[in-house]
Amino acid sequence: MPSLEDWRKAGHAAHAALVYGSTLIKPGVKLSDVSDAIENKLKELGADLGFPVNISINETAAHDVPFAIETRVFTNNDVIKLDVGSAVNGAIGDKAKTIELTGKYEK
């Protein structure tokens, strides 16, 4: 059974990895590179993956997981949904964020 500290650590790790990952999303960057970097950040923070990093673009609402061998890159026309999950001794942290690269939806 996870302790309160496990829940806190899982939440903190998911948040920190989400913030870090969102800084990596730029036009020309491969989705798989961002996913790998987020997974490594979670490990650095002492957490495991709660679920695969989800990077969904535009009309794909959620749950798109980039493969390690794929070549998709972010473009200036993308609205990205980034979803990060961490696990610490059975406690799960889950954080998500929308990143807008188009400039059309800033407001």
PDB file of N, CA and C in Angstrom:
ATOM      1  N   MET A   1       0.844  -1.178   0.000  1.00  0.00           N
ATOM      2  CA  MET A   1       0.000   0.000   0.000  1.00  0.00           C
ATOM      3  C   MET A   1       0.890   1.242   0.000  1.00  0.00           C
ATOM      4  N   PRO A   2       0.662   2.152  -0.963  1.00  0.00           N
ATOM      5  CA  PRO A   2       1.489   3.351  -1.036  1.00  0.00           C
ATOM      6  C   PRO A   2       1.263   4.270   0.162  1.00  0.00           C
ATOM      7  N   SER A   3       2.328   4.902   0.590  1.00  0.00           N
ATOM      8  CA  SER A   3       2.228   5.871   1.679  1.00  0.00           C
ATOM      9  C   SER A   3       1.866   7.248   1.109  1.00  0.00           C
ATOM     10  N   LEU A   4       1.525   8.163   1.987  1.00  0.00           N
ATOM     11  CA  LEU A   4       1.242   9.527   1.572  1.00  0.00           C
ATOM     12  C   LEU A   4       2.459  10.132   0.874  1.00  0.00           C
ATOM     13  N   GLU A   5       3.640   9.826   1.377  1.00  0.00           N
ATOM     14  CA  GLU A   5       4.873  10.328   0.761  1.00  0.00           C
ATOM     15  C   GLU A   5       5.048   9.776  -0.659  1.00  0.00           C
ATOM     16  N   ASP A   6       4.653   8.503  -0.892  1.00  0.00           N
ATOM     17  CA  ASP A   6       4.710   7.932  -2.239  1.00  0.00           C
ATOM     18  C   ASP A   6       3.812   8.716  -3.196  1.00  0.00           C
ATOM     19  N   TRP A   7       2.600   9.067  -2.745  1.00  0.00           N
ATOM     20  CA  TRP A   7       1.675   9.840  -3.573  1.00  0.00           C
ATOM     21  C   TRP A   7       2.260  11.218  -3.878  1.00  0.00           C
ATOM     22  N   ARG A   8       2.849  11.847  -2.885  1.00  0.00           N
ATOM     23  CA  ARG A   8       3.465  13.154  -3.099  1.00  0.00           C
ATOM     24  C   ARG A   8       4.613  13.068  -4.096  1.00  0.00           C
ATOM     25  N   LYS A   9       5.456  12.057  -3.922  1.00  0.00           N
ATOM     26  CA  LYS A   9       6.608  11.885  -4.810  1.00  0.00           C
ATOM     27  C   LYS A   9       6.147  11.604  -6.242  1.00  0.00           C
ATOM     28  N   ALA A  10       5.121  10.786  -6.392  1.00  0.00           N
ATOM     29  CA  ALA A  10       4.599  10.475  -7.728  1.00  0.00           C
ATOM     30  C   ALA A  10       4.034  11.733  -8.388  1.00  0.00           C
ATOM     31  N   GLY A  11       3.282  12.516  -7.640  1.00  0.00           N
ATOM     32  CA  GLY A  11       2.717  13.752  -8.178  1.00  0.00           C
ATOM     33  C   GLY A  11       3.795  14.753  -8.555  1.00  0.00           C
ATOM     34  N   HIS A  12       4.793  14.895  -7.692  1.00  0.00           N
ATOM     35  CA  HIS A  12       5.893  15.811  -7.973  1.00  0.00           C
ATOM     36  C   HIS A  12       6.661  15.371  -9.214  1.00  0.00           C
ATOM     37  N   ALA A  13       6.963  14.080  -9.321  1.00  0.00           N
ATOM     38  CA  ALA A  13       7.717  13.570 -10.467  1.00  0.00           C
ATOM     39  C   ALA A  13       6.947  13.784 -11.764  1.00  0.00           C
ATOM     40  N   ALA A  14       5.650  13.495 -11.762  1.00  0.00           N
ATOM     41  CA  ALA A  14       4.839  13.687 -12.971  1.00  0.00           C
ATOM     42  C   ALA A  14       4.827  15.162 -13.368  1.00  0.00           C
ATOM     43  N   HIS A  15       4.652  16.040 -12.391  1.00  0.00           N
ATOM     44  CA  HIS A  15       4.629  17.481 -12.677  1.00  0.00           C
ATOM     45  C   HIS A  15       5.978  17.954 -13.224  1.00  0.00           C
ATOM     46  N   ALA A  16       7.054  17.591 -12.565  1.00  0.00           N
ATOM     47  CA  ALA A  16       8.385  18.036 -12.988  1.00  0.00           C
ATOM     48  C   ALA A  16       8.726  17.510 -14.381  1.00  0.00           C
ATOM     49  N   ALA A  17       8.371  16.263 -14.668  1.00  0.00           N
ATOM     50  CA  ALA A  17       8.639  15.688 -15.989  1.00  0.00           C
ATOM     51  C   ALA A  17       7.785  16.361 -17.055  1.00  0.00           C
ATOM     52  N   LEU A  18       6.544  16.709 -16.728  1.00  0.00           N
ATOM     53  CA  LEU A  18       5.664  17.409 -17.672  1.00  0.00           C
ATOM     54  C   LEU A  18       6.223  18.788 -18.001  1.00  0.00           C
ATOM     55  N   VAL A  19       6.624  19.524 -16.991  1.00  0.00           N
ATOM     56  CA  VAL A  19       7.187  20.862 -17.205  1.00  0.00           C
ATOM     57  C   VAL A  19       8.451  20.767 -18.055  1.00  0.00           C
ATOM     58  N   TYR A  20       9.317  19.829 -17.704  1.00  0.00           N
ATOM     59  CA  TYR A  20      10.551  19.621 -18.470  1.00  0.00           C
ATOM     60  C   TYR A  20      10.234  19.249 -19.916  1.00  0.00           C
ATOM     61  N   GLY A  21       9.361  18.280 -20.102  1.00  0.00           N
ATOM     62  CA  GLY A  21       9.009  17.820 -21.448  1.00  0.00           C
ATOM     63  C   GLY A  21       8.400  18.914 -22.296  1.00  0.00           C
ATOM     64  N   SER A  22       7.593  19.760 -21.690  1.00  0.00           N
ATOM     65  CA  SER A  22       6.949  20.828 -22.464  1.00  0.00           C
ATOM     66  C   SER A  22       7.965  21.839 -22.992  1.00  0.00           C
ATOM     67  N   THR A  23       9.112  21.981 -22.336  1.00  0.00           N
ATOM     68  CA  THR A  23      10.147  22.892 -22.830  1.00  0.00           C
ATOM     69  C   THR A  23      10.878  22.327 -24.041  1.00  0.00           C
ATOM     70  N   LEU A  24      10.766  21.031 -24.257  1.00  0.00           N
ATOM     71  CA  LEU A  24      11.456  20.377 -25.369  1.00  0.00           C
ATOM     72  C   LEU A  24      10.649  20.380 -26.659  1.00  0.00           C
ATOM     73  N   ILE A  25       9.375  20.684 -26.565  1.00  0.00           N
ATOM     74  CA  ILE A  25       8.488  20.622 -27.730  1.00  0.00           C
ATOM     75  C   ILE A  25       8.641  21.895 -28.549  1.00  0.00           C
ATOM     76  N   LYS A  26       9.276  21.717 -29.719  1.00  0.00           N
ATOM     77  CA  LYS A  26       9.538  22.822 -30.643  1.00  0.00           C
ATOM     78  C   LYS A  26       9.458  22.271 -32.072  1.00  0.00           C
ATOM     79  N   PRO A  27       9.169  23.126 -33.033  1.00  0.00           N
ATOM     80  CA  PRO A  27       9.159  22.660 -34.417  1.00  0.00           C
ATOM     81  C   PRO A  27      10.483  21.994 -34.797  1.00  0.00           C
ATOM     82  N   GLY A  28      10.382  20.853 -35.495  1.00  0.00           N
ATOM     83  CA  GLY A  28      11.565  20.123 -35.946  1.00  0.00           C
ATOM     84  C   GLY A  28      12.061  19.055 -34.995  1.00  0.00           C
ATOM     85  N   VAL A  29      11.566  19.036 -33.764  1.00  0.00           N
ATOM     86  CA  VAL A  29      11.996  18.045 -32.764  1.00  0.00           C
ATOM     87  C   VAL A  29      11.163  16.777 -32.930  1.00  0.00           C
ATOM     88  N   LYS A  30      11.817  15.622 -32.862  1.00  0.00           N
ATOM     89  CA  LYS A  30      11.113  14.345 -32.988  1.00  0.00           C
ATOM     90  C   LYS A  30      10.301  14.041 -31.726  1.00  0.00           C
ATOM     91  N   LEU A  31       9.089  13.537 -31.937  1.00  0.00           N
ATOM     92  CA  LEU A  31       8.222  13.153 -30.823  1.00  0.00           C
ATOM     93  C   LEU A  31       8.904  12.117 -29.940  1.00  0.00           C
ATOM     94  N   SER A  32       9.572  11.138 -30.562  1.00  0.00           N
ATOM     95  CA  SER A  32      10.206  10.069 -29.792  1.00  0.00           C
ATOM     96  C   SER A  32      11.344  10.603 -28.924  1.00  0.00           C
ATOM     97  N   ASP A  33      12.037  11.652 -29.367  1.00  0.00           N
ATOM     98  CA  ASP A  33      13.109  12.238 -28.545  1.00  0.00           C
ATOM     99  C   ASP A  33      12.528  12.878 -27.284  1.00  0.00           C
ATOM    100  N   VAL A  34      11.401  13.546 -27.423  1.00  0.00           N
ATOM    101  CA  VAL A  34      10.749  14.158 -26.263  1.00  0.00           C
ATOM    102  C   VAL A  34      10.261  13.074 -25.311  1.00  0.00           C
ATOM    103  N   SER A  35       9.638  12.047 -25.843  1.00  0.00           N
ATOM    104  CA  SER A  35       9.150  10.940 -25.017  1.00  0.00           C
ATOM    105  C   SER A  35      10.295  10.289 -24.239  1.00  0.00           C
ATOM    106  N   ASP A  36      11.395   9.999 -24.921  1.00  0.00           N
ATOM    107  CA  ASP A  36      12.554   9.388 -24.269  1.00  0.00           C
ATOM    108  C   ASP A  36      13.112  10.288 -23.163  1.00  0.00           C
ATOM    109  N   ALA A  37      13.199  11.584 -23.434  1.00  0.00           N
ATOM    110  CA  ALA A  37      13.730  12.526 -22.444  1.00  0.00           C
ATOM    111  C   ALA A  37      12.840  12.583 -21.203  1.00  0.00           C
ATOM    112  N   ILE A  38      11.523  12.533 -21.399  1.00  0.00           N
ATOM    113  CA  ILE A  38      10.594  12.560 -20.269  1.00  0.00           C
ATOM    114  C   ILE A  38      10.739  11.282 -19.450  1.00  0.00           C
ATOM    115  N   GLU A  39      10.839  10.149 -20.109  1.00  0.00           N
ATOM    116  CA  GLU A  39      11.028   8.880 -19.390  1.00  0.00           C
ATOM    117  C   GLU A  39      12.310   8.919 -18.560  1.00  0.00           C
ATOM    118  N   ASN A  40      13.382   9.437 -19.138  1.00  0.00           N
ATOM    119  CA  ASN A  40      14.652   9.541 -18.404  1.00  0.00           C
ATOM    120  C   ASN A  40      14.530  10.490 -17.216  1.00  0.00           C
ATOM    121  N   LYS A  41      13.785  11.575 -17.382  1.00  0.00           N
ATOM    122  CA  LYS A  41      13.582  12.534 -16.285  1.00  0.00           C
ATOM    123  C   LYS A  41      12.845  11.875 -15.126  1.00  0.00           C
ATOM    124  N   LEU A  42      11.819  11.085 -15.438  1.00  0.00           N
ATOM    125  CA  LEU A  42      11.085  10.378 -14.378  1.00  0.00           C
ATOM    126  C   LEU A  42      12.026   9.465 -13.594  1.00  0.00           C
ATOM    127  N   LYS A  43      12.882   8.749 -14.295  1.00  0.00           N
ATOM    128  CA  LYS A  43      13.841   7.858 -13.628  1.00  0.00           C
ATOM    129  C   LYS A  43      14.788   8.650 -12.736  1.00  0.00           C
ATOM    130  N   GLU A  44      15.268   9.802 -13.252  1.00  0.00           N
ATOM    131  CA  GLU A  44      16.134  10.688 -12.455  1.00  0.00           C
ATOM    132  C   GLU A  44      15.462  11.099 -11.155  1.00  0.00           C
ATOM    133  N   LEU A  45      14.157  11.289 -11.225  1.00  0.00           N
ATOM    134  CA  LEU A  45      13.382  11.745 -10.071  1.00  0.00           C
ATOM    135  C   LEU A  45      12.959  10.602  -9.154  1.00  0.00           C
ATOM    136  N   GLY A  46      13.385   9.386  -9.469  1.00  0.00           N
ATOM    137  CA  GLY A  46      13.089   8.234  -8.616  1.00  0.00           C
ATOM    138  C   GLY A  46      11.726   7.620  -8.845  1.00  0.00           C
ATOM    139  N   ALA A  47      11.145   7.850 -10.012  1.00  0.00           N
ATOM    140  CA  ALA A  47       9.823   7.299 -10.327  1.00  0.00           C
ATOM    141  C   ALA A  47       9.916   6.371 -11.536  1.00  0.00           C
ATOM    142  N   ASP A  48       8.941   5.496 -11.650  1.00  0.00           N
ATOM    143  CA  ASP A  48       8.779   4.662 -12.829  1.00  0.00           C
ATOM    144  C   ASP A  48       7.688   5.275 -13.696  1.00  0.00           C
ATOM    145  N   LEU A  49       7.532   4.735 -14.897  1.00  0.00           N
ATOM    146  CA  LEU A  49       6.429   5.174 -15.759  1.00  0.00           C
ATOM    147  C   LEU A  49       5.111   4.670 -15.201  1.00  0.00           C
ATOM    148  N   GLY A  50       4.143   5.554 -15.081  1.00  0.00           N
ATOM    149  CA  GLY A  50       2.797   5.143 -14.703  1.00  0.00           C
ATOM    150  C   GLY A  50       2.064   4.590 -15.912  1.00  0.00           C
ATOM    151  N   PHE A  51       2.405   5.123 -17.087  1.00  0.00           N
ATOM    152  CA  PHE A  51       1.911   4.682 -18.386  1.00  0.00           C
ATOM    153  C   PHE A  51       2.827   5.315 -19.427  1.00  0.00           C
ATOM    154  N   PRO A  52       2.820   4.822 -20.656  1.00  0.00           N
ATOM    155  CA  PRO A  52       3.690   5.427 -21.675  1.00  0.00           C
ATOM    156  C   PRO A  52       3.376   6.907 -21.861  1.00  0.00           C
ATOM    157  N   VAL A  53       4.400   7.692 -22.141  1.00  0.00           N
ATOM    158  CA  VAL A  53       4.212   9.121 -22.391  1.00  0.00           C
ATOM    159  C   VAL A  53       3.306   9.275 -23.611  1.00  0.00           C
ATOM    160  N   ASN A  54       2.249  10.061 -23.464  1.00  0.00           N
ATOM    161  CA  ASN A  54       1.291  10.310 -24.543  1.00  0.00           C
ATOM    162  C   ASN A  54       1.572  11.677 -25.148  1.00  0.00           C
ATOM    163  N   ILE A  55       1.795  11.703 -26.460  1.00  0.00           N
ATOM    164  CA  ILE A  55       1.983  12.959 -27.186  1.00  0.00           C
ATOM    165  C   ILE A  55       1.011  12.929 -28.359  1.00  0.00           C
ATOM    166  N   SER A  56      -0.083  13.646 -28.213  1.00  0.00           N
ATOM    167  CA  SER A  56      -1.125  13.646 -29.243  1.00  0.00           C
ATOM    168  C   SER A  56      -1.119  14.991 -29.945  1.00  0.00           C
ATOM    169  N   ILE A  57      -1.275  14.951 -31.266  1.00  0.00           N
ATOM    170  CA  ILE A  57      -1.173  16.164 -32.064  1.00  0.00           C
ATOM    171  C   ILE A  57      -2.486  16.430 -32.798  1.00  0.00           C
ATOM    172  N   ASN A  58      -2.897  17.697 -32.747  1.00  0.00           N
ATOM    173  CA  ASN A  58      -4.039  18.224 -33.494  1.00  0.00           C
ATOM    174  C   ASN A  58      -5.304  17.417 -33.264  1.00  0.00           C
ATOM    175  N   GLU A  59      -5.863  16.803 -34.313  1.00  0.00           N
ATOM    176  CA  GLU A  59      -7.158  16.138 -34.184  1.00  0.00           C
ATOM    177  C   GLU A  59      -7.113  14.849 -33.367  1.00  0.00           C
ATOM    178  N   THR A  60      -5.939  14.352 -33.036  1.00  0.00           N
ATOM    179  CA  THR A  60      -5.835  13.189 -32.155  1.00  0.00           C
ATOM    180  C   THR A  60      -5.983  13.698 -30.727  1.00  0.00           C
ATOM    181  N   ALA A  61      -7.127  13.399 -30.125  1.00  0.00           N
ATOM    182  CA  ALA A  61      -7.461  13.997 -28.828  1.00  0.00           C
ATOM    183  C   ALA A  61      -6.562  13.509 -27.700  1.00  0.00           C
ATOM    184  N   ALA A  62      -6.194  12.237 -27.706  1.00  0.00           N
ATOM    185  CA  ALA A  62      -5.414  11.702 -26.580  1.00  0.00           C
ATOM    186  C   ALA A  62      -4.873  10.321 -26.919  1.00  0.00           C
ATOM    187  N   HIS A  63      -3.944   9.879 -26.091  1.00  0.00           N
ATOM    188  CA  HIS A  63      -3.433   8.507 -26.050  1.00  0.00           C
ATOM    189  C   HIS A  63      -2.624   8.076 -27.261  1.00  0.00           C
ATOM    190  N   ASP A  64      -1.965   9.013 -27.914  1.00  0.00           N
ATOM    191  CA  ASP A  64      -1.035   8.670 -28.988  1.00  0.00           C
ATOM    192  C   ASP A  64       0.343   8.509 -28.361  1.00  0.00           C
ATOM    193  N   VAL A  65       0.946   7.351 -28.553  1.00  0.00           N
ATOM    194  CA  VAL A  65       2.252   7.053 -27.969  1.00  0.00           C
ATOM    195  C   VAL A  65       3.271   6.927 -29.101  1.00  0.00           C
ATOM    196  N   PRO A  66       4.289   7.800 -29.129  1.00  0.00           N
ATOM    197  CA  PRO A  66       5.278   7.701 -30.201  1.00  0.00           C
ATOM    198  C   PRO A  66       6.155   6.454 -30.050  1.00  0.00           C
ATOM    199  N   PHE A  67       6.405   5.801 -31.165  1.00  0.00           N
ATOM    200  CA  PHE A  67       7.316   4.655 -31.187  1.00  0.00           C
ATOM    201  C   PHE A  67       8.750   5.158 -31.225  1.00  0.00           C
ATOM    202  N   ALA A  68       9.675   4.381 -30.691  1.00  0.00           N
ATOM    203  CA  ALA A  68      11.080   4.783 -30.649  1.00  0.00           C
ATOM    204  C   ALA A  68      11.666   4.967 -32.045  1.00  0.00           C
ATOM    205  N   ILE A  69      11.167   4.220 -33.033  1.00  0.00           N
ATOM    206  CA  ILE A  69      11.760   4.266 -34.373  1.00  0.00           C
ATOM    207  C   ILE A  69      11.074   5.254 -35.318  1.00  0.00           C
ATOM    208  N   GLU A  70      10.026   5.908 -34.864  1.00  0.00           N
ATOM    209  CA  GLU A  70       9.307   6.783 -35.789  1.00  0.00           C
ATOM    210  C   GLU A  70      10.021   8.112 -35.995  1.00  0.00           C
ATOM    211  N   THR A  71       9.621   8.797 -37.055  1.00  0.00           N
ATOM    212  CA  THR A  71      10.328  10.014 -37.453  1.00  0.00           C
ATOM    213  C   THR A  71       9.457  11.268 -37.391  1.00  0.00           C
ATOM    214  N   ARG A  72       8.246  11.173 -36.850  1.00  0.00           N
ATOM    215  CA  ARG A  72       7.387  12.364 -36.785  1.00  0.00           C
ATOM    216  C   ARG A  72       8.068  13.474 -35.996  1.00  0.00           C
ATOM    217  N   VAL A  73       7.894  14.712 -36.464  1.00  0.00           N
ATOM    218  CA  VAL A  73       8.438  15.890 -35.781  1.00  0.00           C
ATOM    219  C   VAL A  73       7.314  16.895 -35.572  1.00  0.00           C
ATOM    220  N   PHE A  74       7.489  17.757 -34.587  1.00  0.00           N
ATOM    221  CA  PHE A  74       6.550  18.839 -34.336  1.00  0.00           C
ATOM    222  C   PHE A  74       6.699  19.899 -35.431  1.00  0.00           C
ATOM    223  N   THR A  75       5.580  20.571 -35.748  1.00  0.00           N
ATOM    224  CA  THR A  75       5.611  21.650 -36.739  1.00  0.00           C
ATOM    225  C   THR A  75       4.973  22.909 -36.144  1.00  0.00           C
ATOM    226  N   ASN A  76       5.101  24.010 -36.857  1.00  0.00           N
ATOM    227  CA  ASN A  76       4.480  25.273 -36.432  1.00  0.00           C
ATOM    228  C   ASN A  76       2.959  25.222 -36.481  1.00  0.00           C
ATOM    229  N   ASN A  77       2.394  24.185 -37.076  1.00  0.00           N
ATOM    230  CA  ASN A  77       0.944  24.058 -37.227  1.00  0.00           C
ATOM    231  C   ASN A  77       0.319  23.144 -36.186  1.00  0.00           C
ATOM    232  N   ASP A  78       1.043  22.807 -35.138  1.00  0.00           N
ATOM    233  CA  ASP A  78       0.579  21.781 -34.192  1.00  0.00           C
ATOM    234  C   ASP A  78       0.050  22.344 -32.877  1.00  0.00           C
ATOM    235  N   VAL A  79      -0.994  21.683 -32.409  1.00  0.00           N
ATOM    236  CA  VAL A  79      -1.466  21.817 -31.039  1.00  0.00           C
ATOM    237  C   VAL A  79      -1.223  20.447 -30.416  1.00  0.00           C
ATOM    238  N   ILE A  80      -0.438  20.416 -29.349  1.00  0.00           N
ATOM    239  CA  ILE A  80       0.022  19.160 -28.760  1.00  0.00           C
ATOM    240  C   ILE A  80      -0.604  18.948 -27.398  1.00  0.00           C
ATOM    241  N   LYS A  81      -1.015  17.729 -27.151  1.00  0.00           N
ATOM    242  CA  LYS A  81      -1.486  17.333 -25.825  1.00  0.00           C
ATOM    243  C   LYS A  81      -0.434  16.391 -25.254  1.00  0.00           C
ATOM    244  N   LEU A  82       0.213  16.806 -24.168  1.00  0.00           N
ATOM    245  CA  LEU A  82       1.261  16.021 -23.514  1.00  0.00           C
ATOM    246  C   LEU A  82       0.702  15.477 -22.213  1.00  0.00           C
ATOM    247  N   ASP A  83       0.794  14.157 -22.025  1.00  0.00           N
ATOM    248  CA  ASP A  83       0.256  13.493 -20.834  1.00  0.00           C
ATOM    249  C   ASP A  83       1.342  12.598 -20.252  1.00  0.00           C
ATOM    250  N   VAL A  84       1.681  12.830 -18.990  1.00  0.00           N
ATOM    251  CA  VAL A  84       2.777  12.128 -18.322  1.00  0.00           C
ATOM    252  C   VAL A  84       2.256  11.433 -17.068  1.00  0.00           C
ATOM    253  N   GLY A  85       2.630  10.172 -16.906  1.00  0.00           N
ATOM    254  CA  GLY A  85       2.251   9.428 -15.711  1.00  0.00           C
ATOM    255  C   GLY A  85       3.466   8.854 -15.014  1.00  0.00           C
ATOM    256  N   SER A  86       3.490   8.945 -13.691  1.00  0.00           N
ATOM    257  CA  SER A  86       4.586   8.399 -12.900  1.00  0.00           C
ATOM    258  C   SER A  86       4.035   7.366 -11.920  1.00  0.00           C
ATOM    259  N   ALA A  87       4.908   6.500 -11.452  1.00  0.00           N
ATOM    260  CA  ALA A  87       4.525   5.494 -10.455  1.00  0.00           C
ATOM    261  C   ALA A  87       5.623   5.392  -9.404  1.00  0.00           C
ATOM    262  N   VAL A  88       5.194   5.414  -8.139  1.00  0.00           N
ATOM    263  CA  VAL A  88       6.121   5.272  -7.013  1.00  0.00           C
ATOM    264  C   VAL A  88       5.465   4.325  -6.008  1.00  0.00           C
ATOM    265  N   ASN A  89       5.971   3.115  -5.913  1.00  0.00           N
ATOM    266  CA  ASN A  89       5.454   2.122  -4.953  1.00  0.00           C
ATOM    267  C   ASN A  89       3.938   1.949  -5.028  1.00  0.00           C
ATOM    268  N   GLY A  90       3.401   1.981  -6.250  1.00  0.00           N
ATOM    269  CA  GLY A  90       1.966   1.790  -6.425  1.00  0.00           C
ATOM    270  C   GLY A  90       1.156   3.074  -6.462  1.00  0.00           C
ATOM    271  N   ALA A  91       1.759   4.193  -6.097  1.00  0.00           N
ATOM    272  CA  ALA A  91       1.084   5.490  -6.195  1.00  0.00           C
ATOM    273  C   ALA A  91       1.312   6.041  -7.597  1.00  0.00           C
ATOM    274  N   ILE A  92       0.270   6.633  -8.168  1.00  0.00           N
ATOM    275  CA  ILE A  92       0.337   7.144  -9.536  1.00  0.00           C
ATOM    276  C   ILE A  92       0.171   8.662  -9.539  1.00  0.00           C
ATOM    277  N   GLY A  93       0.998   9.316 -10.337  1.00  0.00           N
ATOM    278  CA  GLY A  93       0.840  10.735 -10.618  1.00  0.00           C
ATOM    279  C   GLY A  93       0.502  10.884 -12.090  1.00  0.00           C
ATOM    280  N   ASP A  94      -0.426  11.752 -12.424  1.00  0.00           N
ATOM    281  CA  ASP A  94      -0.873  11.922 -13.811  1.00  0.00           C
ATOM    282  C   ASP A  94      -1.060  13.405 -14.084  1.00  0.00           C
ATOM    283  N   LYS A  95      -0.295  13.927 -15.023  1.00  0.00           N
ATOM    284  CA  LYS A  95      -0.365  15.349 -15.359  1.00  0.00           C
ATOM    285  C   LYS A  95      -0.452  15.501 -16.874  1.00  0.00           C
ATOM    286  N   ALA A  96      -1.194  16.503 -17.327  1.00  0.00           N
ATOM    287  CA  ALA A  96      -1.336  16.756 -18.757  1.00  0.00           C
ATOM    288  C   ALA A  96      -1.311  18.256 -19.024  1.00  0.00           C
ATOM    289  N   LYS A  97      -0.948  18.584 -20.265  1.00  0.00           N
ATOM    290  CA  LYS A  97      -0.841  19.992 -20.655  1.00  0.00           C
ATOM    291  C   LYS A  97      -1.040  20.099 -22.162  1.00  0.00           C
ATOM    292  N   THR A  98      -1.623  21.196 -22.592  1.00  0.00           N
ATOM    293  CA  THR A  98      -1.734  21.495 -24.014  1.00  0.00           C
ATOM    294  C   THR A  98      -0.667  22.520 -24.370  1.00  0.00           C
ATOM    295  N   ILE A  99       0.068  22.243 -25.436  1.00  0.00           N
ATOM    296  CA  ILE A  99       1.110  23.149 -25.914  1.00  0.00           C
ATOM    297  C   ILE A  99       0.736  23.568 -27.325  1.00  0.00           C
ATOM    298  N   GLU A 100       0.651  24.858 -27.536  1.00  0.00           N
ATOM    299  CA  GLU A 100       0.159  25.413 -28.796  1.00  0.00           C
ATOM    300  C   GLU A 100       1.325  26.056 -29.543  1.00  0.00           C
ATOM    301  N   LEU A 101       1.685  25.525 -30.722  1.00  0.00           N
ATOM    302  CA  LEU A 101       2.806  26.051 -31.494  1.00  0.00           C
ATOM    303  C   LEU A 101       2.355  26.949 -32.639  1.00  0.00           C
ATOM    304  N   THR A 102       1.060  27.061 -32.886  1.00  0.00           N
ATOM    305  CA  THR A 102       0.575  27.788 -34.061  1.00  0.00           C
ATOM    306  C   THR A 102       0.518  29.296 -33.868  1.00  0.00           C
ATOM    307  N   GLY A 103       0.355  29.749 -32.648  1.00  0.00           N
ATOM    308  CA  GLY A 103       0.170  31.168 -32.378  1.00  0.00           C
ATOM    309  C   GLY A 103      -1.263  31.623 -32.569  1.00  0.00           C
ATOM    310  N   LYS A 104      -2.127  30.738 -33.043  1.00  0.00           N
ATOM    311  CA  LYS A 104      -3.527  31.103 -33.315  1.00  0.00           C
ATOM    312  C   LYS A 104      -4.385  31.127 -32.055  1.00  0.00           C
ATOM    313  N   TYR A 105      -3.996  30.389 -31.030  1.00  0.00           N
ATOM    314  CA  TYR A 105      -4.889  30.177 -29.883  1.00  0.00           C
ATOM    315  C   TYR A 105      -4.316  30.713 -28.579  1.00  0.00           C
ATOM    316  N   GLU A 106      -3.369  31.626 -28.651  1.00  0.00           N
ATOM    317  CA  GLU A 106      -2.732  32.127 -27.441  1.00  0.00           C
ATOM    318  C   GLU A 106      -3.708  32.667 -26.423  1.00  0.00           C
ATOM    319  N   LYS A 107      -4.722  33.396 -26.868  1.00  0.00           N
ATOM    320  CA  LYS A 107      -5.687  33.973 -25.947  1.00  0.00           C
ATOM    321  C   LYS A 107      -6.599  32.907 -25.386  1.00  0.00           C
TER     322      LYS A 107
END
